[in-house]
Amino acid sequence: MSLLQWLLSKQLKHNKLKQKLSGFTLIELLVAMVISILVISPLLGFMVNILDNDRKEQVKTNTEQDVKSALEYIKRDLQESVYIYDADGINEIRKRLPKYTDKDSYFPVLVFWKRQFKEKGFNISATEQDDAFSYSLVAYYLIKDNNTTWSKAARIGRFHLSDGYGSTDAQKESTRDKGFQRFNLKSTGDLKTKMNKWEPKSSETITNTILTLSDYIDQTPIENTKNPAPACPTPPVTVPPTPAMQLIPKYGGSGDVAPTGSVNTRGFYVCVDSTNTAAEVYIRGNAMARMQDNNIDFDQNVTSQNSYFPASSIRVKGRGFIYTK
């Protein structure tokens, strides 16, 4: 190999080494970036879409479970009932229940008397106890106020007022809720008339409060085209005739049984047959309120959003009864 050939060989190797060390050109980098964007952007969009859909399905599921849990709780409570107030009864006793002065935000939808079980509530001796029962007045409220602790949807609250229990008058008095007074069956009239005359103890102030049972209940105002008022089912033709159930609240009606203000909604309503101590309870949730603060009303014409308002119902018959002459 001549000197000239040797120099050319060294120069070519040097040039190749320089090219390897110089990295990518600007054009190569731009091409790589464009390719990356074209590949990664759809993947990111796909992942965001999956996460968003998963979130939507999760809020639907949570809301549906809350509705069913609330119905199950009410069912167990209502099975112990001995008398359920129908629309006529609510119209009579609402003024004697809590939150009457805040009617636009609180409505007592389901009100009934039940036998309350008290484990070991009766002293047989100094060392032996037995179970006892006492009467309780229970009211389930539809609530829609401006309390920031809760969502912008409505909620269901439970109120109860219990009689005392024990083996002595002193024990019964100490365990009785303030304001409780048992219904009076000695007054004139039929059972419904007597129960509608109930009043709390006038010498005491009721101290029991309404506790929230379930949040994210549909608050959409009643509107003929978007959210029409419900109706109770037509009773079957029987002999003797089956009494027609009364709707509570009485939408479009008058008096204390008619909903006003923000509780004029069908998120929570009942159909009651006081004669047979039976009730159908309807609840509709609002999953939209879990995702956003605005545009959370139900519209039956927008079918794509109906799945965000899961609804369910139960029919319950009380196991007890009240006898009166």
C-alpha atoms as a PDB file:
ATOM      1  CA  MET A   1       0.000   0.000   0.000  1.00  0.00           C
ATOM      2  CA  SER A   2       1.366   3.382  -1.016  1.00  0.00           C
ATOM      3  CA  LEU A   3       1.536   6.357   1.288  1.00  0.00           C
ATOM      4  CA  LEU A   4      -1.259   8.080  -0.636  1.00  0.00           C
ATOM      5  CA  GLN A   5      -3.592   5.097  -0.282  1.00  0.00           C
ATOM      6  CA  TRP A   6      -2.845   4.869   3.428  1.00  0.00           C
ATOM      7  CA  LEU A   7      -3.694   8.572   3.964  1.00  0.00           C
ATOM      8  CA  LEU A   8      -6.959   8.250   2.017  1.00  0.00           C
ATOM      9  CA  SER A   9      -7.938   5.220   4.080  1.00  0.00           C
ATOM     10  CA  LYS A  10      -7.323   7.077   7.354  1.00  0.00           C
ATOM     11  CA  GLN A  11      -9.310  10.089   6.123  1.00  0.00           C
ATOM     12  CA  LEU A  12     -12.330   7.981   5.172  1.00  0.00           C
ATOM     13  CA  LYS A  13     -12.377   6.264   8.577  1.00  0.00           C
ATOM     14  CA  HIS A  14     -12.103   9.654  10.280  1.00  0.00           C
ATOM     15  CA  ASN A  15     -15.038  11.048   8.288  1.00  0.00           C
ATOM     16  CA  LYS A  16     -17.254   8.049   9.186  1.00  0.00           C
ATOM     17  CA  LEU A  17     -16.396   8.481  12.866  1.00  0.00           C
ATOM     18  CA  LYS A  18     -17.306  12.172  12.710  1.00  0.00           C
ATOM     19  CA  GLN A  19     -20.638  11.331  11.129  1.00  0.00           C
ATOM     20  CA  LYS A  20     -21.422   8.846  13.899  1.00  0.00           C
ATOM     21  CA  LEU A  21     -20.578  11.369  16.611  1.00  0.00           C
ATOM     22  CA  SER A  22     -22.497  14.236  15.049  1.00  0.00           C
ATOM     23  CA  GLY A  23     -26.006  12.755  16.009  1.00  0.00           C
ATOM     24  CA  PHE A  24     -29.308  13.401  14.173  1.00  0.00           C
ATOM     25  CA  THR A  25     -29.887  16.211  11.784  1.00  0.00           C
ATOM     26  CA  LEU A  26     -32.652  18.774  12.390  1.00  0.00           C
ATOM     27  CA  ILE A  27     -34.786  17.271   9.658  1.00  0.00           C
ATOM     28  CA  GLU A  28     -34.451  13.832  11.196  1.00  0.00           C
ATOM     29  CA  LEU A  29     -35.537  15.200  14.590  1.00  0.00           C
ATOM     30  CA  LEU A  30     -38.565  16.960  13.085  1.00  0.00           C
ATOM     31  CA  VAL A  31     -39.630  13.820  11.270  1.00  0.00           C
ATOM     32  CA  ALA A  32     -39.285  11.801  14.495  1.00  0.00           C
ATOM     33  CA  MET A  33     -41.382  14.349  16.415  1.00  0.00           C
ATOM     34  CA  VAL A  34     -44.142  14.300  13.801  1.00  0.00           C
ATOM     35  CA  ILE A  35     -44.240  10.513  13.833  1.00  0.00           C
ATOM     36  CA  SER A  36     -44.347  10.511  17.658  1.00  0.00           C
ATOM     37  CA  ILE A  37     -47.238  12.975  17.693  1.00  0.00           C
ATOM     38  CA  LEU A  38     -49.171  10.976  15.116  1.00  0.00           C
ATOM     39  CA  VAL A  39     -48.736   7.798  17.155  1.00  0.00           C
ATOM     40  CA  ILE A  40     -48.982   9.068  20.747  1.00  0.00           C
ATOM     41  CA  SER A  41     -51.860  11.571  20.371  1.00  0.00           C
ATOM     42  CA  PRO A  42     -54.483   8.975  19.387  1.00  0.00           C
ATOM     43  CA  LEU A  43     -53.252   6.702  22.168  1.00  0.00           C
ATOM     44  CA  LEU A  44     -53.549   9.502  24.733  1.00  0.00           C
ATOM     45  CA  GLY A  45     -56.999  10.399  23.439  1.00  0.00           C
ATOM     46  CA  PHE A  46     -58.025   6.768  23.642  1.00  0.00           C
ATOM     47  CA  MET A  47     -56.794   6.487  27.243  1.00  0.00           C
ATOM     48  CA  VAL A  48     -58.524   9.728  28.280  1.00  0.00           C
ATOM     49  CA  ASN A  49     -61.748   8.499  26.691  1.00  0.00           C
ATOM     50  CA  ILE A  50     -61.509   5.173  28.542  1.00  0.00           C
ATOM     51  CA  LEU A  51     -60.896   6.914  31.879  1.00  0.00           C
ATOM     52  CA  ASP A  52     -63.789   9.333  31.286  1.00  0.00           C
ATOM     53  CA  ASN A  53     -66.180   6.514  30.375  1.00  0.00           C
ATOM     54  CA  ASP A  54     -65.037   4.539  33.407  1.00  0.00           C
ATOM     55  CA  ARG A  55     -65.715   7.541  35.646  1.00  0.00           C
ATOM     56  CA  LYS A  56     -69.197   7.989  34.179  1.00  0.00           C
ATOM     57  CA  GLU A  57     -70.057   4.334  34.644  1.00  0.00           C
ATOM     58  CA  GLN A  58     -68.740   4.451  38.204  1.00  0.00           C
ATOM     59  CA  VAL A  59     -70.953   7.393  39.210  1.00  0.00           C
ATOM     60  CA  LYS A  60     -73.948   5.664  37.630  1.00  0.00           C
ATOM     61  CA  THR A  61     -73.212   2.492  39.573  1.00  0.00           C
ATOM     62  CA  ASN A  62     -72.663   4.352  42.851  1.00  0.00           C
ATOM     63  CA  THR A  63     -75.897   6.288  42.445  1.00  0.00           C
ATOM     64  CA  GLU A  64     -77.874   3.164  41.603  1.00  0.00           C
ATOM     65  CA  GLN A  65     -76.444   1.379  44.643  1.00  0.00           C
ATOM     66  CA  ASP A  66     -77.325   4.339  46.880  1.00  0.00           C
ATOM     67  CA  VAL A  67     -80.919   4.290  45.626  1.00  0.00           C
ATOM     68  CA  LYS A  68     -81.256   0.558  46.288  1.00  0.00           C
ATOM     69  CA  SER A  69     -79.630   0.865  49.718  1.00  0.00           C
ATOM     70  CA  ALA A  70     -82.030   3.653  50.694  1.00  0.00           C
ATOM     71  CA  LEU A  71     -85.017   1.606  49.537  1.00  0.00           C
ATOM     72  CA  GLU A  72     -83.805  -1.438  51.459  1.00  0.00           C
ATOM     73  CA  TYR A  73     -83.414   0.615  54.646  1.00  0.00           C
ATOM     74  CA  ILE A  74     -86.892   2.125  54.243  1.00  0.00           C
ATOM     75  CA  LYS A  75     -88.321  -1.322  53.510  1.00  0.00           C
ATOM     76  CA  ARG A  76     -87.000  -2.801  56.767  1.00  0.00           C
ATOM     77  CA  ASP A  77     -88.273   0.221  58.675  1.00  0.00           C
ATOM     78  CA  LEU A  78     -91.677   0.201  57.015  1.00  0.00           C
ATOM     79  CA  GLN A  79     -92.236  -3.515  57.597  1.00  0.00           C
ATOM     80  CA  GLU A  80     -92.560  -2.762  61.319  1.00  0.00           C
ATOM     81  CA  SER A  81     -95.257  -0.141  60.709  1.00  0.00           C
ATOM     82  CA  VAL A  82     -98.685  -0.319  62.320  1.00  0.00           C
ATOM     83  CA  TYR A  83    -100.149   2.713  60.542  1.00  0.00           C
ATOM     84  CA  ILE A  84     -99.070   4.735  57.482  1.00  0.00           C
ATOM     85  CA  TYR A  85    -100.366   8.237  56.845  1.00  0.00           C
ATOM     86  CA  ASP A  86    -101.921   8.797  53.427  1.00  0.00           C
ATOM     87  CA  ALA A  87    -102.211  12.169  51.664  1.00  0.00           C
ATOM     88  CA  ASP A  88    -105.175  13.182  53.821  1.00  0.00           C
ATOM     89  CA  GLY A  89    -103.149  12.401  56.923  1.00  0.00           C
ATOM     90  CA  ILE A  90    -100.079  14.365  55.789  1.00  0.00           C
ATOM     91  CA  ASN A  91    -102.337  17.326  55.116  1.00  0.00           C
ATOM     92  CA  GLU A  92    -103.539  17.145  58.723  1.00  0.00           C
ATOM     93  CA  ILE A  93    -100.373  16.445  60.710  1.00  0.00           C
ATOM     94  CA  ARG A  94     -97.652  18.217  58.702  1.00  0.00           C
ATOM     95  CA  LYS A  95     -98.079  21.362  60.770  1.00  0.00           C
ATOM     96  CA  ARG A  96     -97.160  19.332  63.869  1.00  0.00           C
ATOM     97  CA  LEU A  97     -93.977  17.846  62.408  1.00  0.00           C
ATOM     98  CA  PRO A  98     -90.499  19.433  62.299  1.00  0.00           C
ATOM     99  CA  LYS A  99     -89.544  21.946  59.584  1.00  0.00           C
ATOM    100  CA  TYR A 100     -93.107  23.090  58.957  1.00  0.00           C
ATOM    101  CA  THR A 101     -91.870  26.671  58.749  1.00  0.00           C
ATOM    102  CA  ASP A 102     -89.416  25.633  56.015  1.00  0.00           C
ATOM    103  CA  LYS A 103     -91.927  23.971  53.689  1.00  0.00           C
ATOM    104  CA  ASP A 104     -90.141  24.989  50.482  1.00  0.00           C
ATOM    105  CA  SER A 105     -87.080  22.916  51.441  1.00  0.00           C
ATOM    106  CA  TYR A 106     -88.470  20.057  53.574  1.00  0.00           C
ATOM    107  CA  PHE A 107     -91.385  17.762  52.759  1.00  0.00           C
ATOM    108  CA  PRO A 108     -92.439  14.761  54.939  1.00  0.00           C
ATOM    109  CA  VAL A 109     -93.141  12.237  52.165  1.00  0.00           C
ATOM    110  CA  LEU A 110     -93.505   9.050  54.213  1.00  0.00           C
ATOM    111  CA  VAL A 111     -94.833   9.202  57.790  1.00  0.00           C
ATOM    112  CA  PHE A 112     -95.848   6.178  59.845  1.00  0.00           C
ATOM    113  CA  TRP A 113     -96.081   4.633  63.299  1.00  0.00           C
ATOM    114  CA  LYS A 114     -94.054   1.522  64.080  1.00  0.00           C
ATOM    115  CA  ARG A 115     -93.284  -0.798  66.957  1.00  0.00           C
ATOM    116  CA  GLN A 116     -89.706  -0.121  68.016  1.00  0.00           C
ATOM    117  CA  PHE A 117     -87.741  -3.104  69.314  1.00  0.00           C
ATOM    118  CA  LYS A 118     -85.702  -2.441  72.467  1.00  0.00           C
ATOM    119  CA  GLU A 119     -83.231  -5.194  73.299  1.00  0.00           C
ATOM    120  CA  LYS A 120     -83.154  -5.904  77.058  1.00  0.00           C
ATOM    121  CA  GLY A 121     -85.318  -2.871  77.644  1.00  0.00           C
ATOM    122  CA  PHE A 122     -87.416  -4.351  80.435  1.00  0.00           C
ATOM    123  CA  ASN A 123     -86.027  -5.201  83.868  1.00  0.00           C
ATOM    124  CA  ILE A 124     -87.515  -8.422  85.222  1.00  0.00           C
ATOM    125  CA  SER A 125     -85.250  -8.432  88.265  1.00  0.00           C
ATOM    126  CA  ALA A 126     -82.006  -6.894  89.433  1.00  0.00           C
ATOM    127  CA  THR A 127     -80.045  -9.379  87.323  1.00  0.00           C
ATOM    128  CA  GLU A 128     -82.474 -10.380  84.570  1.00  0.00           C
ATOM    129  CA  GLN A 129     -83.769  -8.375  81.608  1.00  0.00           C
ATOM    130  CA  ASP A 130     -86.179  -8.993  78.771  1.00  0.00           C
ATOM    131  CA  ASP A 131     -86.749  -7.358  75.396  1.00  0.00           C
ATOM    132  CA  ALA A 132     -89.334  -4.614  75.107  1.00  0.00           C
ATOM    133  CA  PHE A 133     -91.284  -2.712  72.467  1.00  0.00           C
ATOM    134  CA  SER A 134     -92.348   0.896  72.222  1.00  0.00           C
ATOM    135  CA  TYR A 135     -94.139   2.999  69.631  1.00  0.00           C
ATOM    136  CA  SER A 136     -92.213   5.382  67.395  1.00  0.00           C
ATOM    137  CA  LEU A 137     -93.323   8.009  64.912  1.00  0.00           C
ATOM    138  CA  VAL A 138     -91.086   7.937  61.812  1.00  0.00           C
ATOM    139  CA  ALA A 139     -90.957  10.473  58.983  1.00  0.00           C
ATOM    140  CA  TYR A 140     -88.859  10.352  55.817  1.00  0.00           C
ATOM    141  CA  TYR A 141     -88.280  13.798  54.342  1.00  0.00           C
ATOM    142  CA  LEU A 142     -87.392  14.989  50.865  1.00  0.00           C
ATOM    143  CA  ILE A 143     -84.872  17.800  51.411  1.00  0.00           C
ATOM    144  CA  LYS A 144     -83.507  20.398  48.995  1.00  0.00           C
ATOM    145  CA  ASP A 145     -81.806  23.310  50.713  1.00  0.00           C
ATOM    146  CA  ASN A 146     -78.588  25.305  50.417  1.00  0.00           C
ATOM    147  CA  ASN A 147     -76.560  23.258  52.897  1.00  0.00           C
ATOM    148  CA  THR A 148     -73.071  23.076  51.353  1.00  0.00           C
ATOM    149  CA  THR A 149     -72.289  19.880  53.270  1.00  0.00           C
ATOM    150  CA  TRP A 150     -74.417  18.026  50.742  1.00  0.00           C
ATOM    151  CA  SER A 151     -74.692  17.967  46.962  1.00  0.00           C
ATOM    152  CA  LYS A 152     -76.704  20.336  44.790  1.00  0.00           C
ATOM    153  CA  ALA A 153     -79.182  17.517  44.236  1.00  0.00           C
ATOM    154  CA  ALA A 154     -81.853  16.639  46.802  1.00  0.00           C
ATOM    155  CA  ARG A 155     -81.488  14.173  49.679  1.00  0.00           C
ATOM    156  CA  ILE A 156     -83.641  11.975  51.902  1.00  0.00           C
ATOM    157  CA  GLY A 157     -83.652  12.489  55.662  1.00  0.00           C
ATOM    158  CA  ARG A 158     -85.119  10.405  58.484  1.00  0.00           C
ATOM    159  CA  PHE A 159     -86.803  11.699  61.636  1.00  0.00           C
ATOM    160  CA  HIS A 160     -88.090   9.604  64.506  1.00  0.00           C
ATOM    161  CA  LEU A 161     -89.763  10.248  67.832  1.00  0.00           C
ATOM    162  CA  SER A 162     -89.883   7.329  70.276  1.00  0.00           C
ATOM    163  CA  ASP A 163     -91.840   6.475  73.380  1.00  0.00           C
ATOM    164  CA  GLY A 164     -90.019   5.403  76.522  1.00  0.00           C
ATOM    165  CA  TYR A 165     -89.489   1.855  77.734  1.00  0.00           C
ATOM    166  CA  GLY A 166     -88.701   0.107  80.997  1.00  0.00           C
ATOM    167  CA  SER A 167     -90.355  -1.599  83.940  1.00  0.00           C
ATOM    168  CA  THR A 168     -91.134   1.570  85.897  1.00  0.00           C
ATOM    169  CA  ASP A 169     -92.716   4.909  85.063  1.00  0.00           C
ATOM    170  CA  ALA A 170     -89.440   6.640  85.875  1.00  0.00           C
ATOM    171  CA  GLN A 171     -87.546   4.474  83.376  1.00  0.00           C
ATOM    172  CA  LYS A 172     -90.183   5.031  80.701  1.00  0.00           C
ATOM    173  CA  GLU A 173     -90.029   8.775  81.219  1.00  0.00           C
ATOM    174  CA  SER A 174     -86.233   8.933  81.114  1.00  0.00           C
ATOM    175  CA  THR A 175     -86.049   6.985  77.830  1.00  0.00           C
ATOM    176  CA  ARG A 176     -88.868   8.877  76.085  1.00  0.00           C
ATOM    177  CA  ASP A 177     -87.907  11.402  73.397  1.00  0.00           C
ATOM    178  CA  LYS A 178     -88.802  14.999  74.173  1.00  0.00           C
ATOM    179  CA  GLY A 179     -92.123  15.908  72.613  1.00  0.00           C
ATOM    180  CA  PHE A 180     -93.318  12.342  72.129  1.00  0.00           C
ATOM    181  CA  GLN A 181     -96.970  11.670  72.781  1.00  0.00           C
ATOM    182  CA  ARG A 182     -98.782   8.504  71.797  1.00  0.00           C
ATOM    183  CA  PHE A 183    -101.811   8.624  69.499  1.00  0.00           C
ATOM    184  CA  ASN A 184    -105.173   8.698  71.269  1.00  0.00           C
ATOM    185  CA  LEU A 185    -107.576   5.915  70.311  1.00  0.00           C
ATOM    186  CA  LYS A 186    -110.246   7.091  72.756  1.00  0.00           C
ATOM    187  CA  SER A 187    -111.319  10.045  70.627  1.00  0.00           C
ATOM    188  CA  THR A 188    -114.293   9.865  68.271  1.00  0.00           C
ATOM    189  CA  GLY A 189    -114.223   8.697  64.673  1.00  0.00           C
ATOM    190  CA  ASP A 190    -112.619   5.858  62.751  1.00  0.00           C
ATOM    191  CA  LEU A 191    -108.938   4.890  62.966  1.00  0.00           C
ATOM    192  CA  LYS A 192    -107.889   7.323  60.241  1.00  0.00           C
ATOM    193  CA  THR A 193    -109.635  10.226  61.958  1.00  0.00           C
ATOM    194  CA  LYS A 194    -108.068   9.362  65.303  1.00  0.00           C
ATOM    195  CA  MET A 195    -104.535   9.012  63.888  1.00  0.00           C
ATOM    196  CA  ASN A 196    -104.848  12.298  61.999  1.00  0.00           C
ATOM    197  CA  LYS A 197    -105.524  14.070  65.302  1.00  0.00           C
ATOM    198  CA  TRP A 198    -102.099  13.181  66.718  1.00  0.00           C
ATOM    199  CA  GLU A 199    -100.183  16.015  68.345  1.00  0.00           C
ATOM    200  CA  PRO A 200     -96.773  16.167  70.055  1.00  0.00           C
ATOM    201  CA  LYS A 201     -96.606  16.906  73.755  1.00  0.00           C
ATOM    202  CA  SER A 202     -97.369  20.607  73.951  1.00  0.00           C
ATOM    203  CA  SER A 203     -95.344  21.241  77.104  1.00  0.00           C
ATOM    204  CA  GLU A 204     -92.093  20.039  75.482  1.00  0.00           C
ATOM    205  CA  THR A 205     -89.952  21.037  72.526  1.00  0.00           C
ATOM    206  CA  ILE A 206     -88.920  18.314  70.101  1.00  0.00           C
ATOM    207  CA  THR A 207     -85.129  18.019  70.148  1.00  0.00           C
ATOM    208  CA  ASN A 208     -84.650  15.108  67.731  1.00  0.00           C
ATOM    209  CA  THR A 209     -83.240  16.178  64.380  1.00  0.00           C
ATOM    210  CA  ILE A 210     -83.621  14.956  60.802  1.00  0.00           C
ATOM    211  CA  LEU A 211     -80.652  12.766  59.852  1.00  0.00           C
ATOM    212  CA  THR A 212     -79.620  12.299  56.226  1.00  0.00           C
ATOM    213  CA  LEU A 213     -80.214   8.816  54.839  1.00  0.00           C
ATOM    214  CA  SER A 214     -79.147   9.314  51.213  1.00  0.00           C
ATOM    215  CA  ASP A 215     -77.747  12.124  49.056  1.00  0.00           C
ATOM    216  CA  TYR A 216     -77.842  12.629  45.257  1.00  0.00           C
ATOM    217  CA  ILE A 217     -81.618  12.287  44.943  1.00  0.00           C
ATOM    218  CA  ASP A 218     -83.092  13.879  41.827  1.00  0.00           C
ATOM    219  CA  GLN A 219     -84.154  17.477  42.440  1.00  0.00           C
ATOM    220  CA  THR A 220     -85.544  18.283  38.961  1.00  0.00           C
ATOM    221  CA  PRO A 221     -88.677  20.467  39.290  1.00  0.00           C
ATOM    222  CA  ILE A 222     -91.966  19.049  38.035  1.00  0.00           C
ATOM    223  CA  GLU A 223     -92.583  20.203  34.456  1.00  0.00           C
ATOM    224  CA  ASN A 224     -95.160  18.776  32.057  1.00  0.00           C
ATOM    225  CA  THR A 225     -92.880  18.147  29.070  1.00  0.00           C
ATOM    226  CA  LYS A 226     -89.497  17.401  30.673  1.00  0.00           C
ATOM    227  CA  ASN A 227     -90.359  15.956  34.087  1.00  0.00           C
ATOM    228  CA  PRO A 228     -94.103  15.296  34.429  1.00  0.00           C
ATOM    229  CA  ALA A 229     -95.740  14.461  37.747  1.00  0.00           C
ATOM    230  CA  PRO A 230     -96.161  10.732  38.501  1.00  0.00           C
ATOM    231  CA  ALA A 231     -99.364   8.896  39.320  1.00  0.00           C
ATOM    232  CA  CYS A 232    -100.196   5.915  41.501  1.00  0.00           C
ATOM    233  CA  PRO A 233    -101.067   2.605  39.823  1.00  0.00           C
ATOM    234  CA  THR A 234    -104.728   1.817  39.224  1.00  0.00           C
ATOM    235  CA  PRO A 235    -105.953  -0.751  41.783  1.00  0.00           C
ATOM    236  CA  PRO A 236    -107.075  -4.131  40.457  1.00  0.00           C
ATOM    237  CA  VAL A 237    -110.773  -4.929  40.212  1.00  0.00           C
ATOM    238  CA  THR A 238    -111.585  -7.062  43.261  1.00  0.00           C
ATOM    239  CA  VAL A 239    -114.508  -7.957  45.493  1.00  0.00           C
ATOM    240  CA  PRO A 240    -114.608  -6.174  47.855  1.00  0.00           C
ATOM    241  CA  PRO A 241    -112.989  -3.254  45.968  1.00  0.00           C
ATOM    242  CA  THR A 242    -109.303  -2.550  46.635  1.00  0.00           C
ATOM    243  CA  PRO A 243    -108.857   1.008  47.966  1.00  0.00           C
ATOM    244  CA  ALA A 244    -107.033   3.367  45.622  1.00  0.00           C
ATOM    245  CA  MET A 245    -103.608   4.441  46.828  1.00  0.00           C
ATOM    246  CA  GLN A 246    -103.022   8.117  47.568  1.00  0.00           C
ATOM    247  CA  LEU A 247    -100.046   9.913  46.036  1.00  0.00           C
ATOM    248  CA  ILE A 248     -97.681  11.822  48.341  1.00  0.00           C
ATOM    249  CA  PRO A 249     -96.735  14.574  47.588  1.00  0.00           C
ATOM    250  CA  LYS A 250     -99.946  15.653  45.864  1.00  0.00           C
ATOM    251  CA  TYR A 251     -98.484  17.408  42.819  1.00  0.00           C
ATOM    252  CA  GLY A 252    -100.564  20.294  41.575  1.00  0.00           C
ATOM    253  CA  GLY A 253    -102.802  20.063  44.630  1.00  0.00           C
ATOM    254  CA  SER A 254    -103.414  22.453  47.488  1.00  0.00           C
ATOM    255  CA  GLY A 255    -102.888  22.512  51.219  1.00  0.00           C
ATOM    256  CA  ASP A 256    -100.002  21.064  53.213  1.00  0.00           C
ATOM    257  CA  VAL A 257     -99.841  17.889  51.109  1.00  0.00           C
ATOM    258  CA  ALA A 258     -98.860  19.867  47.987  1.00  0.00           C
ATOM    259  CA  PRO A 259     -95.103  20.362  47.412  1.00  0.00           C
ATOM    260  CA  THR A 260     -93.793  23.893  47.041  1.00  0.00           C
ATOM    261  CA  GLY A 261     -90.484  25.539  46.202  1.00  0.00           C
ATOM    262  CA  SER A 262     -87.480  23.282  45.664  1.00  0.00           C
ATOM    263  CA  VAL A 263     -89.228  20.102  46.918  1.00  0.00           C
ATOM    264  CA  ASN A 264     -91.695  20.119  44.019  1.00  0.00           C
ATOM    265  CA  THR A 265     -89.895  17.168  42.457  1.00  0.00           C
ATOM    266  CA  ARG A 266     -90.457  13.438  41.931  1.00  0.00           C
ATOM    267  CA  GLY A 267     -87.085  12.282  43.214  1.00  0.00           C
ATOM    268  CA  PHE A 268     -88.831  10.703  46.219  1.00  0.00           C
ATOM    269  CA  TYR A 269     -92.557   9.995  46.400  1.00  0.00           C
ATOM    270  CA  VAL A 270     -94.919   7.312  47.711  1.00  0.00           C
ATOM    271  CA  CYS A 271     -98.334   5.787  47.110  1.00  0.00           C
ATOM    272  CA  VAL A 272    -100.110   4.846  50.346  1.00  0.00           C
ATOM    273  CA  ASP A 273    -103.037   2.632  51.290  1.00  0.00           C
ATOM    274  CA  SER A 274    -103.635   3.427  54.962  1.00  0.00           C
ATOM    275  CA  THR A 275    -106.473   0.912  55.272  1.00  0.00           C
ATOM    276  CA  ASN A 276    -104.178  -2.029  54.514  1.00  0.00           C
ATOM    277  CA  THR A 277    -100.982  -0.481  55.955  1.00  0.00           C
ATOM    278  CA  ALA A 278     -99.310  -0.684  52.547  1.00  0.00           C
ATOM    279  CA  ALA A 279     -97.080   1.673  50.596  1.00  0.00           C
ATOM    280  CA  GLU A 280     -95.145   1.835  47.350  1.00  0.00           C
ATOM    281  CA  VAL A 281     -91.932   3.851  47.614  1.00  0.00           C
ATOM    282  CA  TYR A 282     -90.264   5.419  44.567  1.00  0.00           C
ATOM    283  CA  ILE A 283     -86.773   6.949  44.464  1.00  0.00           C
ATOM    284  CA  ARG A 284     -84.838   8.410  41.535  1.00  0.00           C
ATOM    285  CA  GLY A 285     -81.162   9.264  41.899  1.00  0.00           C
ATOM    286  CA  ASN A 286     -79.092  11.907  40.124  1.00  0.00           C
ATOM    287  CA  ALA A 287     -75.637  10.789  38.967  1.00  0.00           C
ATOM    288  CA  MET A 288     -75.132  13.999  36.975  1.00  0.00           C
ATOM    289  CA  ALA A 289     -74.774  15.888  40.256  1.00  0.00           C
ATOM    290  CA  ARG A 290     -71.738  13.753  41.113  1.00  0.00           C
ATOM    291  CA  MET A 291     -69.881  14.960  38.011  1.00  0.00           C
ATOM    292  CA  GLN A 292     -70.883  18.610  37.640  1.00  0.00           C
ATOM    293  CA  ASP A 293     -72.576  21.491  39.431  1.00  0.00           C
ATOM    294  CA  ASN A 294     -74.652  22.830  36.535  1.00  0.00           C
ATOM    295  CA  ASN A 295     -77.080  21.316  34.017  1.00  0.00           C
ATOM    296  CA  ILE A 296     -78.045  18.477  36.343  1.00  0.00           C
ATOM    297  CA  ASP A 297     -81.813  18.408  35.718  1.00  0.00           C
ATOM    298  CA  PHE A 298     -83.637  15.399  34.294  1.00  0.00           C
ATOM    299  CA  ASP A 299     -85.223  15.692  30.847  1.00  0.00           C
ATOM    300  CA  GLN A 300     -87.188  12.697  29.595  1.00  0.00           C
ATOM    301  CA  ASN A 301     -86.699  13.912  26.008  1.00  0.00           C
ATOM    302  CA  VAL A 302     -82.896  13.556  26.244  1.00  0.00           C
ATOM    303  CA  THR A 303     -82.759   9.770  26.254  1.00  0.00           C
ATOM    304  CA  SER A 304     -78.954   9.693  26.186  1.00  0.00           C
ATOM    305  CA  GLN A 305     -78.896  11.105  29.730  1.00  0.00           C
ATOM    306  CA  ASN A 306     -81.683   9.004  31.244  1.00  0.00           C
ATOM    307  CA  SER A 307     -79.202   6.390  32.461  1.00  0.00           C
ATOM    308  CA  TYR A 308     -77.740   9.042  34.784  1.00  0.00           C
ATOM    309  CA  PHE A 309     -81.030   9.065  36.710  1.00  0.00           C
ATOM    310  CA  PRO A 310     -81.471   5.499  38.024  1.00  0.00           C
ATOM    311  CA  ALA A 311     -84.915   4.867  39.490  1.00  0.00           C
ATOM    312  CA  SER A 312     -86.267   2.025  41.569  1.00  0.00           C
ATOM    313  CA  SER A 313     -89.266   1.226  43.745  1.00  0.00           C
ATOM    314  CA  ILE A 314     -90.533  -1.209  46.365  1.00  0.00           C
ATOM    315  CA  ARG A 315     -93.919  -2.235  47.724  1.00  0.00           C
ATOM    316  CA  VAL A 316     -94.124  -2.847  51.466  1.00  0.00           C
ATOM    317  CA  LYS A 317     -96.901  -3.996  53.768  1.00  0.00           C
ATOM    318  CA  GLY A 318     -96.658  -3.334  57.475  1.00  0.00           C
ATOM    319  CA  ARG A 319     -96.690  -6.388  59.705  1.00  0.00           C
ATOM    320  CA  GLY A 320     -98.587  -4.741  62.538  1.00  0.00           C
ATOM    321  CA  PHE A 321    -101.938  -3.049  62.956  1.00  0.00           C
ATOM    322  CA  ILE A 322    -103.844  -0.885  65.397  1.00  0.00           C
ATOM    323  CA  TYR A 323    -107.245  -1.989  66.607  1.00  0.00           C
ATOM    324  CA  THR A 324    -109.886   0.530  67.565  1.00  0.00           C
ATOM    325  CA  LYS A 325    -113.620   0.395  68.085  1.00  0.00           C
END
